Protein backbone atom coordinates (compact mmCIF):
# COMPACT_ATOMS: atom_id res chain seq x y z
CA MET A 1 8.05 -13.75 15.44
CA LYS A 2 5.44 -15.06 12.98
CA ILE A 3 1.94 -14.62 11.42
CA LYS A 4 -0.80 -15.96 13.51
CA SER A 5 -4.61 -16.99 12.99
CA ASN A 6 -7.01 -15.31 15.43
CA ALA A 7 -9.58 -17.31 13.48
CA GLY A 8 -12.32 -19.15 15.22
CA SER A 9 -12.84 -23.00 14.90
CA SER A 10 -15.76 -22.50 12.67
CA GLU A 11 -13.67 -20.19 10.23
CA LEU A 12 -11.24 -22.73 9.96
CA THR A 13 -12.61 -24.80 6.77
CA SER A 14 -13.77 -21.47 5.10
CA PRO A 15 -12.08 -21.05 1.81
CA PHE A 16 -11.71 -16.89 2.55
CA TYR A 17 -9.49 -18.68 5.54
CA LYS A 18 -7.69 -20.44 3.30
CA ILE A 19 -7.22 -17.80 0.57
CA ASN A 20 -5.95 -15.36 3.52
CA GLU A 21 -3.89 -18.24 5.06
CA GLU A 22 -2.23 -18.73 2.01
CA PHE A 23 -1.30 -14.94 1.42
CA CYS A 24 0.15 -14.70 4.49
CA ARG A 25 2.49 -17.54 3.89
CA GLN A 26 3.63 -16.32 0.82
CA PHE A 27 4.38 -12.94 2.84
CA GLU A 28 6.12 -14.62 5.75
CA ASN A 29 8.53 -16.20 2.93
CA TYR A 30 9.25 -13.45 0.96
CA ILE A 31 10.32 -12.12 4.18
CA ALA A 32 12.50 -15.09 5.39
CA ILE A 33 14.65 -14.72 2.23
CA LYS A 34 15.29 -11.13 2.64
CA ASN A 35 16.17 -12.21 6.12
CA GLY A 36 13.71 -9.99 7.76
CA LYS A 37 11.20 -10.26 10.31
CA VAL A 38 7.01 -10.68 10.32
CA LYS A 39 4.36 -10.21 12.73
CA GLY A 40 0.66 -10.04 12.42
CA ASN A 41 -2.55 -11.98 11.92
CA TYR A 42 -5.18 -12.88 10.03
CA ASN A 43 -8.48 -14.71 9.92
CA ALA A 44 -11.40 -15.78 7.29
CA TRP A 45 -12.29 -11.43 7.27
CA SER A 46 -9.12 -9.69 7.60
CA TYR A 47 -5.43 -9.87 7.86
CA TYR A 48 -3.08 -7.19 9.31
CA ILE A 49 0.90 -8.22 8.53
CA GLN A 50 3.97 -6.71 8.54
CA GLY A 51 7.11 -7.34 7.62
CA GLU A 52 10.88 -5.34 7.50
CA ILE A 53 13.78 -6.03 5.91
CA MET A 54 17.30 -4.63 6.17
CA ALA A 55 18.87 -4.43 2.81
CA PRO A 56 20.09 -2.61 0.82
CA LYS A 57 18.32 -0.48 3.19
CA PRO A 58 15.49 -1.19 5.66
CA TRP A 59 12.23 -1.09 4.22
CA HIS A 60 8.86 -1.68 6.51
CA LEU A 61 5.91 -3.48 3.93
CA LYS A 62 2.70 -3.97 5.68
CA TYR A 63 -0.73 -5.29 4.50
CA LYS A 64 -4.13 -5.14 5.65
CA LYS A 65 -7.53 -6.63 4.61
CA ALA A 66 -10.66 -5.85 6.28
CA THR A 67 -14.08 -6.92 5.62
CA TYR A 68 -16.82 -4.34 6.57
CA THR A 69 -20.55 -5.28 6.97
CA SER A 70 -22.91 -2.76 7.62
CA THR A 71 -26.56 -4.04 9.53
CA GLY A 72 -29.01 -1.46 9.62
CA ASN A 73 -26.76 1.42 8.73
CA LEU A 74 -29.00 4.07 6.70
CA ILE A 75 -25.37 5.52 4.85
CA LEU A 76 -23.96 2.14 4.10
CA SER A 77 -26.02 -0.95 2.73
CA SER A 78 -27.15 -3.78 4.43
CA LYS A 79 -26.76 -5.92 2.07
CA LYS A 80 -23.07 -4.73 0.85
CA GLN A 81 -19.93 -5.66 2.11
CA ASN A 82 -17.16 -3.40 2.12
CA LEU A 83 -13.83 -4.43 1.51
CA LEU A 84 -10.34 -2.22 2.20
CA THR A 85 -7.12 -3.82 0.62
CA LEU A 86 -3.99 -2.16 1.20
CA ALA A 87 -0.35 -2.51 0.82
CA GLU A 88 2.06 0.32 2.25
CA TRP A 89 5.85 -0.09 1.70
CA SER A 90 8.15 2.75 3.16
CA THR A 91 11.36 3.57 4.25
CA SER A 92 13.59 6.30 5.34
CA TRP A 93 14.60 9.07 2.90
CA ILE A 94 17.86 11.25 4.44
CA GLY A 95 18.88 13.79 2.05
CA ALA A 96 15.38 14.89 0.49
CA GLN A 97 16.45 18.26 2.53
CA ASN A 98 13.31 18.67 4.00
CA SER A 99 11.62 18.38 0.47
CA GLU A 100 8.31 17.19 0.34
CA PHE A 101 5.70 15.72 -2.01
CA GLU A 102 2.80 13.79 -2.73
CA ILE A 103 1.54 12.04 -6.03
CA ARG A 104 -2.09 10.27 -5.19
CA ARG A 105 -4.77 8.68 -7.26
CA LYS A 106 -7.84 11.75 -8.17
CA ASP A 107 -10.73 11.45 -6.21
CA SER A 108 -13.84 13.68 -5.95
CA LEU A 109 -11.86 16.07 -3.39
CA GLY A 110 -9.05 16.10 -5.39
CA LEU A 111 -10.82 18.13 -8.21
CA MET A 112 -11.90 20.87 -5.44
CA GLU A 113 -7.97 21.05 -4.70
CA ILE A 114 -7.31 21.49 -8.45
CA LEU A 115 -9.22 24.49 -8.34
CA PHE A 116 -7.66 25.74 -4.76
CA ASN A 117 -4.55 25.36 -6.47
CA LYS A 118 -3.51 22.90 -3.67
CA LEU A 119 -2.63 20.05 -6.16
CA LYS A 120 -1.89 19.77 -9.81
CA ARG A 121 -2.34 17.14 -12.46
CA TYR A 122 -0.01 14.90 -12.72
CA GLN A 123 2.05 15.31 -16.23
CA PHE A 124 2.59 11.05 -16.59
CA SER A 125 -1.51 9.90 -16.00
CA LYS A 126 -4.75 11.74 -15.71
CA ASN A 127 -5.96 9.78 -13.04
CA TYR A 128 -3.17 10.86 -10.64
CA LEU A 129 -2.75 14.61 -8.79
CA THR A 130 0.41 16.11 -7.27
CA LYS A 131 1.91 18.59 -5.01
CA GLY A 132 5.17 19.81 -4.46
CA VAL A 133 7.09 17.62 -7.18
CA GLU A 134 9.32 20.08 -8.30
CA ASN A 135 12.01 20.09 -5.93
CA ASN A 136 11.96 16.25 -6.75
CA THR A 137 12.04 15.50 -10.43
CA SER A 138 14.79 12.97 -10.72
CA LEU A 139 13.08 10.43 -7.82
CA ILE A 140 9.98 10.99 -9.09
CA GLN A 141 10.94 9.65 -12.70
CA ASN A 142 12.57 7.00 -11.17
CA LEU A 143 9.50 5.84 -9.32
CA HIS A 144 7.43 6.45 -12.09
CA GLN A 145 9.21 4.25 -14.20
CA LYS A 146 9.77 1.44 -11.85
CA LEU A 147 5.67 1.62 -10.91
CA GLU A 148 4.27 2.36 -14.29
CA SER A 149 2.13 -0.58 -14.42
CA ARG A 150 0.78 0.33 -11.28
CA PHE A 151 -0.12 3.60 -11.93
CA ALA A 152 -2.01 2.26 -15.12
CA SER A 153 -3.35 0.06 -13.59
CA LYS A 154 -5.14 2.49 -10.70
CA GLU A 155 -4.04 0.00 -7.70
CA LEU A 156 -1.09 2.66 -7.04
CA TYR A 157 -2.78 5.01 -4.32
CA ALA A 158 0.08 7.73 -3.41
CA ILE A 159 3.65 8.10 -3.23
CA ILE A 160 4.33 10.60 -0.34
CA LEU A 161 7.78 12.10 0.72
CA LYS A 162 7.32 13.59 3.57
CA ASN A 163 9.36 13.87 7.26
CA ASP A 164 11.96 12.23 5.23
CA ASP A 165 10.37 8.98 4.61
CA LEU A 166 8.54 7.72 1.45
CA ILE A 167 5.52 5.80 1.75
CA ILE A 168 4.37 3.85 -1.16
CA SER A 169 0.57 3.16 -0.53
CA LEU A 170 -1.21 0.81 -2.96
CA ARG A 171 -5.11 -0.74 -2.74
CA THR A 172 -4.26 -4.07 -3.78
CA GLU A 173 -5.09 -7.75 -2.98
CA LYS A 174 -1.68 -8.77 -4.72
CA HIS A 175 1.42 -8.96 -2.97
CA HIS A 176 3.32 -7.15 -5.98
CA PHE A 177 7.32 -8.25 -4.47
CA ASN A 178 8.14 -8.15 -8.48
CA PHE A 179 7.56 -4.38 -8.16
CA PHE A 180 8.85 -3.80 -4.71
CA GLU A 181 11.65 -5.57 -5.90
CA LYS A 182 12.61 -2.55 -8.22
CA LEU A 183 12.26 -0.23 -5.39
CA LEU A 184 15.22 -1.51 -3.47
CA ASN A 185 18.08 -0.02 -5.24
CA LEU A 186 16.39 3.51 -5.58
């Protein structure tokens, strides 16, 4: 299946449409080089694309961009657009022996969770919080080494190991295939 445009005819000349189209074309090409499968759609305002590759182990890649506008909402300014951009890479992590952990970027709720001892400060970066990292130190150190610059840029949103699934979530408008390549041989 291919990534398809779901844009209206008035969107086709938009520079935003062209940017999203190019982003999706690059994603489709990358997944094709890896002999994977893609699906999704895009327009001038958004895209939602997914890819799956099988070598050396199965990985699922998802990228989403959504532009939200508010008209007449008292909470969100009607003069401002809200943009969500995310990348999520996930794979099965069999053998974690029911071990779970979470590393995520610090937010205002995280400070409350520190006070109630639900989360701890991440030893490698003051901008991240952790839970359950004691049992997975070698995996966490390996992930940190491969994604160190994404921690520094704060594009890395979360790394979660739960129910034998490893999920790496970023808040970015970039593909970051070079960093994903580093994860293929975990």
